[in-house]
């Protein structure tokens, strides 16, 4: 098991009512990947950047992003 210092931080850009976002979150949690959810509707810049791409998974330490559909195992 990875320790906290080497485990990357993950963000899932999402919005309420997005069924694909719900599927992505469920798949990530099923894979054991802890993610923080970011609501893009609360920020105009995020809404413009991710509005047509969500859900988007972003690794905070490298900035790598994956658009849906993604395989969460590629991030471990």
N, C-alpha and C. Protein backbone atom coordinates (compact mmCIF):
# COMPACT_ATOMS: atom_id res chain seq x y z
N UNK A 1 0.83 -1.19 0.00
CA UNK A 1 0.00 0.00 0.00
C UNK A 1 0.88 1.25 0.00
N UNK A 2 0.49 2.25 -0.79
CA UNK A 2 1.26 3.48 -0.88
C UNK A 2 1.05 4.32 0.37
N UNK A 3 2.11 5.01 0.78
CA UNK A 3 1.90 5.91 1.91
C UNK A 3 1.37 7.24 1.39
N UNK A 4 0.88 8.06 2.30
CA UNK A 4 0.23 9.30 1.93
C UNK A 4 1.16 10.25 1.19
N UNK A 5 2.43 10.25 1.51
CA UNK A 5 3.36 11.18 0.89
C UNK A 5 3.56 10.87 -0.59
N UNK A 6 3.48 9.62 -1.01
CA UNK A 6 3.71 9.28 -2.40
C UNK A 6 2.43 9.10 -3.19
N UNK A 7 1.29 9.09 -2.50
CA UNK A 7 0.03 8.93 -3.20
C UNK A 7 -0.38 10.25 -3.84
N UNK A 8 -0.71 10.23 -5.13
CA UNK A 8 -1.11 11.48 -5.78
C UNK A 8 -2.49 11.93 -5.31
N UNK A 9 -2.70 13.22 -5.40
CA UNK A 9 -4.01 13.78 -5.11
C UNK A 9 -4.78 13.85 -6.42
N UNK A 10 -6.04 13.49 -6.37
CA UNK A 10 -6.88 13.44 -7.56
C UNK A 10 -8.09 14.34 -7.42
N UNK A 11 -8.50 14.92 -8.53
CA UNK A 11 -9.70 15.74 -8.57
C UNK A 11 -10.57 15.23 -9.71
N UNK A 12 -11.85 15.11 -9.44
CA UNK A 12 -12.81 14.78 -10.48
C UNK A 12 -13.68 16.00 -10.70
N UNK A 13 -13.55 16.61 -11.88
CA UNK A 13 -14.38 17.75 -12.23
C UNK A 13 -15.74 17.22 -12.66
N UNK A 14 -16.78 17.78 -12.06
CA UNK A 14 -18.13 17.24 -12.21
C UNK A 14 -19.15 18.36 -12.09
N UNK A 15 -20.39 18.02 -12.27
CA UNK A 15 -21.49 18.93 -11.98
C UNK A 15 -22.71 18.11 -11.58
N UNK A 16 -23.59 18.73 -10.82
CA UNK A 16 -24.76 18.00 -10.34
C UNK A 16 -25.67 17.62 -11.50
N UNK A 17 -26.27 16.45 -11.38
CA UNK A 17 -27.18 15.97 -12.41
C UNK A 17 -26.49 15.31 -13.59
N UNK A 18 -25.19 15.18 -13.55
CA UNK A 18 -24.43 14.57 -14.65
C UNK A 18 -24.31 13.06 -14.39
N UNK A 19 -25.06 12.27 -15.17
CA UNK A 19 -25.03 10.82 -14.94
C UNK A 19 -23.67 10.22 -15.26
N UNK A 20 -22.95 10.77 -16.21
CA UNK A 20 -21.61 10.26 -16.51
C UNK A 20 -20.65 10.55 -15.36
N UNK A 21 -20.83 11.71 -14.72
CA UNK A 21 -20.00 12.04 -13.56
C UNK A 21 -20.25 11.06 -12.42
N UNK A 22 -21.50 10.71 -12.22
CA UNK A 22 -21.84 9.74 -11.19
C UNK A 22 -21.22 8.38 -11.50
N UNK A 23 -21.25 7.97 -12.75
CA UNK A 23 -20.64 6.70 -13.15
C UNK A 23 -19.14 6.74 -12.93
N UNK A 24 -18.51 7.85 -13.30
CA UNK A 24 -17.07 7.99 -13.13
C UNK A 24 -16.69 7.93 -11.66
N UNK A 25 -17.41 8.66 -10.82
CA UNK A 25 -17.11 8.64 -9.39
C UNK A 25 -17.25 7.23 -8.82
N UNK A 26 -18.31 6.53 -9.18
CA UNK A 26 -18.51 5.17 -8.70
C UNK A 26 -17.39 4.26 -9.15
N UNK A 27 -16.98 4.37 -10.40
CA UNK A 27 -15.90 3.52 -10.91
C UNK A 27 -14.58 3.80 -10.19
N UNK A 28 -14.30 5.08 -9.94
CA UNK A 28 -13.06 5.45 -9.25
C UNK A 28 -13.06 4.92 -7.82
N UNK A 29 -14.16 5.08 -7.12
CA UNK A 29 -14.25 4.60 -5.74
C UNK A 29 -14.15 3.08 -5.70
N UNK A 30 -14.76 2.42 -6.69
CA UNK A 30 -14.70 0.96 -6.78
C UNK A 30 -13.25 0.50 -6.97
N UNK A 31 -12.48 1.29 -7.69
CA UNK A 31 -11.08 0.97 -7.94
C UNK A 31 -10.19 1.36 -6.76
N UNK A 32 -10.78 2.00 -5.72
CA UNK A 32 -10.01 2.37 -4.55
C UNK A 32 -9.26 3.67 -4.69
N UNK A 33 -9.61 4.47 -5.68
CA UNK A 33 -8.94 5.73 -5.90
C UNK A 33 -9.71 6.84 -5.18
N UNK A 34 -9.06 7.48 -4.21
CA UNK A 34 -9.71 8.56 -3.47
C UNK A 34 -9.62 9.83 -4.30
N UNK A 35 -10.75 10.46 -4.51
CA UNK A 35 -10.79 11.68 -5.32
C UNK A 35 -11.56 12.77 -4.58
N UNK A 36 -11.21 14.00 -4.89
CA UNK A 36 -11.99 15.16 -4.44
C UNK A 36 -12.86 15.57 -5.60
N UNK A 37 -14.11 15.89 -5.32
CA UNK A 37 -15.02 16.34 -6.36
C UNK A 37 -14.99 17.86 -6.43
N UNK A 38 -14.94 18.39 -7.64
CA UNK A 38 -14.99 19.84 -7.85
C UNK A 38 -16.18 20.14 -8.74
N UNK A 39 -17.09 20.94 -8.22
CA UNK A 39 -18.29 21.37 -8.94
C UNK A 39 -17.91 22.51 -9.88
N UNK A 40 -17.98 22.25 -11.19
CA UNK A 40 -17.55 23.27 -12.15
C UNK A 40 -18.54 24.41 -12.28
N UNK A 41 -19.80 24.20 -11.94
CA UNK A 41 -20.82 25.24 -12.08
C UNK A 41 -20.57 26.41 -11.14
N UNK A 42 -19.75 26.21 -10.11
CA UNK A 42 -19.46 27.26 -9.13
C UNK A 42 -18.35 28.19 -9.56
N UNK A 43 -17.73 27.93 -10.71
CA UNK A 43 -16.58 28.72 -11.15
C UNK A 43 -16.65 28.90 -12.66
N UNK A 44 -16.76 30.14 -13.11
CA UNK A 44 -16.92 30.42 -14.55
C UNK A 44 -15.76 29.88 -15.38
N UNK A 45 -14.54 29.99 -14.87
CA UNK A 45 -13.37 29.51 -15.61
C UNK A 45 -13.40 27.99 -15.75
N UNK A 46 -13.75 27.30 -14.67
CA UNK A 46 -13.85 25.84 -14.74
C UNK A 46 -14.98 25.41 -15.65
N UNK A 47 -16.09 26.12 -15.60
CA UNK A 47 -17.23 25.80 -16.46
C UNK A 47 -16.84 25.94 -17.92
N UNK A 48 -16.10 26.99 -18.24
CA UNK A 48 -15.66 27.17 -19.63
C UNK A 48 -14.67 26.08 -20.04
N UNK A 49 -13.75 25.75 -19.16
CA UNK A 49 -12.71 24.77 -19.48
C UNK A 49 -13.24 23.34 -19.58
N UNK A 50 -14.13 22.96 -18.65
CA UNK A 50 -14.55 21.57 -18.55
C UNK A 50 -16.01 21.31 -18.92
N UNK A 51 -16.77 22.35 -19.23
CA UNK A 51 -18.21 22.23 -19.43
C UNK A 51 -18.65 21.16 -20.40
N UNK A 52 -17.94 21.00 -21.50
CA UNK A 52 -18.34 19.98 -22.49
C UNK A 52 -17.50 18.72 -22.38
N UNK A 53 -16.58 18.68 -21.41
CA UNK A 53 -15.68 17.54 -21.28
C UNK A 53 -15.98 16.65 -20.08
N UNK A 54 -16.75 17.14 -19.11
CA UNK A 54 -16.91 16.40 -17.86
C UNK A 54 -17.53 15.03 -18.08
N UNK A 55 -17.19 14.09 -17.23
CA UNK A 55 -16.26 14.20 -16.11
C UNK A 55 -14.81 14.14 -16.58
N UNK A 56 -13.98 14.88 -15.89
CA UNK A 56 -12.54 14.90 -16.17
C UNK A 56 -11.81 14.58 -14.87
N UNK A 57 -10.87 13.64 -14.95
CA UNK A 57 -10.06 13.26 -13.80
C UNK A 57 -8.69 13.91 -13.97
N UNK A 58 -8.24 14.59 -12.91
CA UNK A 58 -6.96 15.30 -12.97
C UNK A 58 -6.08 14.88 -11.81
N UNK A 59 -4.85 14.56 -12.15
CA UNK A 59 -3.83 14.23 -11.14
C UNK A 59 -3.12 15.52 -10.78
N UNK A 60 -3.22 15.93 -9.52
CA UNK A 60 -2.72 17.24 -9.13
C UNK A 60 -1.21 17.36 -9.15
N UNK A 61 -0.48 16.28 -8.89
CA UNK A 61 0.98 16.41 -8.84
C UNK A 61 1.60 16.57 -10.23
N UNK A 62 0.95 16.06 -11.27
CA UNK A 62 1.52 16.17 -12.62
C UNK A 62 0.64 17.01 -13.54
N UNK A 63 -0.60 17.22 -13.16
CA UNK A 63 -1.53 17.95 -14.02
C UNK A 63 -2.12 17.10 -15.13
N UNK A 64 -1.79 15.81 -15.16
CA UNK A 64 -2.32 14.93 -16.20
C UNK A 64 -3.83 14.84 -16.08
N UNK A 65 -4.51 14.93 -17.22
CA UNK A 65 -5.97 14.86 -17.24
C UNK A 65 -6.43 13.75 -18.17
N UNK A 66 -7.56 13.16 -17.80
CA UNK A 66 -8.19 12.15 -18.64
C UNK A 66 -9.67 12.50 -18.74
N UNK A 67 -10.17 12.54 -19.96
CA UNK A 67 -11.59 12.73 -20.20
C UNK A 67 -12.29 11.37 -20.13
N UNK A 68 -13.55 11.42 -19.82
CA UNK A 68 -14.37 10.21 -19.77
C UNK A 68 -14.59 9.69 -21.17
N UNK A 69 -14.59 8.40 -21.41
CA UNK A 69 -14.43 7.34 -20.41
C UNK A 69 -12.96 7.07 -20.15
N UNK A 70 -12.63 6.81 -18.91
CA UNK A 70 -11.25 6.49 -18.54
C UNK A 70 -11.22 5.24 -17.69
N UNK A 71 -10.08 4.60 -17.70
CA UNK A 71 -9.84 3.42 -16.89
C UNK A 71 -9.06 3.87 -15.66
N UNK A 72 -9.64 3.84 -14.48
CA UNK A 72 -8.96 4.34 -13.29
C UNK A 72 -7.67 3.61 -12.96
N UNK A 73 -7.49 2.40 -13.46
CA UNK A 73 -6.27 1.66 -13.13
C UNK A 73 -5.04 2.28 -13.78
N UNK A 74 -5.20 3.08 -14.82
CA UNK A 74 -4.03 3.69 -15.46
C UNK A 74 -3.43 4.79 -14.59
N UNK A 75 -4.13 5.19 -13.53
CA UNK A 75 -3.66 6.25 -12.66
C UNK A 75 -2.98 5.73 -11.40
N UNK A 76 -2.98 4.44 -11.21
CA UNK A 76 -2.42 3.89 -9.97
C UNK A 76 -0.97 3.56 -10.13
